[in-house]
């Protein structure tokens, strides 16, 4: 998964919502250099992914964050879940 983040003020962390993903790899790419991501912590209780960068994410800068993860599809509507819909006579 890739997301684009615009940083409004200097910060050492970016916090995202997450639920039931097994995070494997996170990279961050800014306009001139790769962000040095030192660690990513998952707060399972609050459903947060906290991405730390010791050299700071710089204000007024856009970063492309790439996250590789594994997830099991759930039976309820929490996290990534199974779903279907009907189109004409076909269920997809």
C-alpha atoms as a PDB file:
ATOM      1  CA  UNK A   1       0.000   0.000   0.000  1.00  0.00           C
ATOM      2  CA  UNK A   2       1.253   3.494  -0.794  1.00  0.00           C
ATOM      3  CA  UNK A   3      -0.025   6.717   0.737  1.00  0.00           C
ATOM      4  CA  UNK A   4       0.963  10.329   0.241  1.00  0.00           C
ATOM      5  CA  UNK A   5       1.390  12.438   3.396  1.00  0.00           C
ATOM      6  CA  UNK A   6       1.888  16.203   3.561  1.00  0.00           C
ATOM      7  CA  UNK A   7       3.679  17.178   6.757  1.00  0.00           C
ATOM      8  CA  UNK A   8       2.479  20.525   8.160  1.00  0.00           C
ATOM      9  CA  UNK A   9       5.124  20.945  10.855  1.00  0.00           C
ATOM     10  CA  UNK A  10       8.413  19.220  11.715  1.00  0.00           C
ATOM     11  CA  UNK A  11       7.736  15.951  13.491  1.00  0.00           C
ATOM     12  CA  UNK A  12       9.575  12.763  14.365  1.00  0.00           C
ATOM     13  CA  UNK A  13       6.521  10.546  13.854  1.00  0.00           C
ATOM     14  CA  UNK A  14       3.584   9.888  11.579  1.00  0.00           C
ATOM     15  CA  UNK A  15       0.592   8.110  13.118  1.00  0.00           C
ATOM     16  CA  UNK A  16      -1.871   6.071  11.059  1.00  0.00           C
ATOM     17  CA  UNK A  17      -4.878   3.925  11.900  1.00  0.00           C
ATOM     18  CA  UNK A  18      -4.365   0.180  11.547  1.00  0.00           C
ATOM     19  CA  UNK A  19      -6.348  -2.901  12.498  1.00  0.00           C
ATOM     20  CA  UNK A  20      -5.181  -6.515  12.413  1.00  0.00           C
ATOM     21  CA  UNK A  21      -2.384  -6.050   9.855  1.00  0.00           C
ATOM     22  CA  UNK A  22       0.970  -7.786  10.216  1.00  0.00           C
ATOM     23  CA  UNK A  23       3.340  -4.996   9.102  1.00  0.00           C
ATOM     24  CA  UNK A  24       6.480  -6.255   7.314  1.00  0.00           C
ATOM     25  CA  UNK A  25       8.222  -3.224   5.812  1.00  0.00           C
ATOM     26  CA  UNK A  26       7.792   0.559   5.812  1.00  0.00           C
ATOM     27  CA  UNK A  27       9.715   3.016   3.649  1.00  0.00           C
ATOM     28  CA  UNK A  28       9.333   6.756   3.253  1.00  0.00           C
ATOM     29  CA  UNK A  29      10.412   8.800   0.257  1.00  0.00           C
ATOM     30  CA  UNK A  30      10.573  12.596   0.315  1.00  0.00           C
ATOM     31  CA  UNK A  31      11.196  14.968  -2.591  1.00  0.00           C
ATOM     32  CA  UNK A  32      14.999  14.757  -2.372  1.00  0.00           C
ATOM     33  CA  UNK A  33      15.822  11.770  -0.225  1.00  0.00           C
ATOM     34  CA  UNK A  34      14.536   8.650   1.449  1.00  0.00           C
ATOM     35  CA  UNK A  35      13.235   9.240   4.987  1.00  0.00           C
ATOM     36  CA  UNK A  36      15.226   7.312   7.574  1.00  0.00           C
ATOM     37  CA  UNK A  37      12.461   5.361   9.316  1.00  0.00           C
ATOM     38  CA  UNK A  38      13.979   3.959  12.481  1.00  0.00           C
ATOM     39  CA  UNK A  39      11.021   1.948  13.748  1.00  0.00           C
ATOM     40  CA  UNK A  40       7.320   1.414  13.484  1.00  0.00           C
ATOM     41  CA  UNK A  41       5.301   0.529  16.545  1.00  0.00           C
ATOM     42  CA  UNK A  42       1.813  -0.949  16.414  1.00  0.00           C
ATOM     43  CA  UNK A  43      -0.461   0.017  19.301  1.00  0.00           C
ATOM     44  CA  UNK A  44      -2.946  -2.870  19.095  1.00  0.00           C
ATOM     45  CA  UNK A  45      -5.217  -1.458  21.812  1.00  0.00           C
ATOM     46  CA  UNK A  46      -5.696   1.915  20.081  1.00  0.00           C
ATOM     47  CA  UNK A  47      -5.342   0.502  16.514  1.00  0.00           C
ATOM     48  CA  UNK A  48      -2.464   2.853  15.630  1.00  0.00           C
ATOM     49  CA  UNK A  49       0.728   2.494  13.613  1.00  0.00           C
ATOM     50  CA  UNK A  50       3.404   4.933  14.813  1.00  0.00           C
ATOM     51  CA  UNK A  51       6.205   5.510  12.281  1.00  0.00           C
ATOM     52  CA  UNK A  52       9.345   7.113  13.772  1.00  0.00           C
ATOM     53  CA  UNK A  53      11.994   9.107  11.879  1.00  0.00           C
ATOM     54  CA  UNK A  54      14.970  10.327  13.984  1.00  0.00           C
ATOM     55  CA  UNK A  55      15.924  12.996  11.413  1.00  0.00           C
ATOM     56  CA  UNK A  56      12.333  14.359  11.439  1.00  0.00           C
ATOM     57  CA  UNK A  57       9.767  14.596   8.715  1.00  0.00           C
ATOM     58  CA  UNK A  58      10.140  18.195   7.519  1.00  0.00           C
ATOM     59  CA  UNK A  59       7.342  20.783   7.450  1.00  0.00           C
ATOM     60  CA  UNK A  60       5.730  21.681   4.099  1.00  0.00           C
ATOM     61  CA  UNK A  61       7.042  18.458   2.572  1.00  0.00           C
ATOM     62  CA  UNK A  62       5.179  15.574   0.954  1.00  0.00           C
ATOM     63  CA  UNK A  63       6.297  12.015   1.646  1.00  0.00           C
ATOM     64  CA  UNK A  64       5.286   8.805  -0.073  1.00  0.00           C
ATOM     65  CA  UNK A  65       4.946   6.098   2.573  1.00  0.00           C
ATOM     66  CA  UNK A  66       5.021   2.487   1.335  1.00  0.00           C
ATOM     67  CA  UNK A  67       3.770  -0.191   3.709  1.00  0.00           C
ATOM     68  CA  UNK A  68       3.993  -3.918   3.049  1.00  0.00           C
ATOM     69  CA  UNK A  69       1.719  -6.031   5.219  1.00  0.00           C
ATOM     70  CA  UNK A  70      -0.153  -9.320   5.511  1.00  0.00           C
ATOM     71  CA  UNK A  71      -3.754  -9.447   6.648  1.00  0.00           C
ATOM     72  CA  UNK A  72      -6.348 -12.160   7.136  1.00  0.00           C
ATOM     73  CA  UNK A  73      -9.778 -11.265   5.799  1.00  0.00           C
ATOM     74  CA  UNK A  74     -12.282 -11.241   8.650  1.00  0.00           C
ATOM     75  CA  UNK A  75     -15.906 -12.349   8.799  1.00  0.00           C
ATOM     76  CA  UNK A  76     -17.085  -9.119  10.483  1.00  0.00           C
ATOM     77  CA  UNK A  77     -16.706  -5.515   9.296  1.00  0.00           C
ATOM     78  CA  UNK A  78     -13.459  -4.879  11.168  1.00  0.00           C
ATOM     79  CA  UNK A  79     -10.188  -4.277   9.312  1.00  0.00           C
ATOM     80  CA  UNK A  80     -10.104  -5.990   5.914  1.00  0.00           C
ATOM     81  CA  UNK A  81     -13.215  -8.114   5.528  1.00  0.00           C
ATOM     82  CA  UNK A  82     -15.059 -10.319   3.035  1.00  0.00           C
ATOM     83  CA  UNK A  83     -17.815  -8.618   1.099  1.00  0.00           C
ATOM     84  CA  UNK A  84     -20.015  -9.241  -1.930  1.00  0.00           C
ATOM     85  CA  UNK A  85     -22.647  -7.467  -3.977  1.00  0.00           C
ATOM     86  CA  UNK A  86     -25.176  -8.363  -6.655  1.00  0.00           C
ATOM     87  CA  UNK A  87     -24.881  -6.998 -10.186  1.00  0.00           C
ATOM     88  CA  UNK A  88     -27.789  -8.112 -12.341  1.00  0.00           C
ATOM     89  CA  UNK A  89     -28.116 -11.851 -11.696  1.00  0.00           C
ATOM     90  CA  UNK A  90     -24.495 -12.229 -10.645  1.00  0.00           C
ATOM     91  CA  UNK A  91     -23.028 -12.105  -7.125  1.00  0.00           C
ATOM     92  CA  UNK A  92     -19.535 -10.630  -7.064  1.00  0.00           C
END
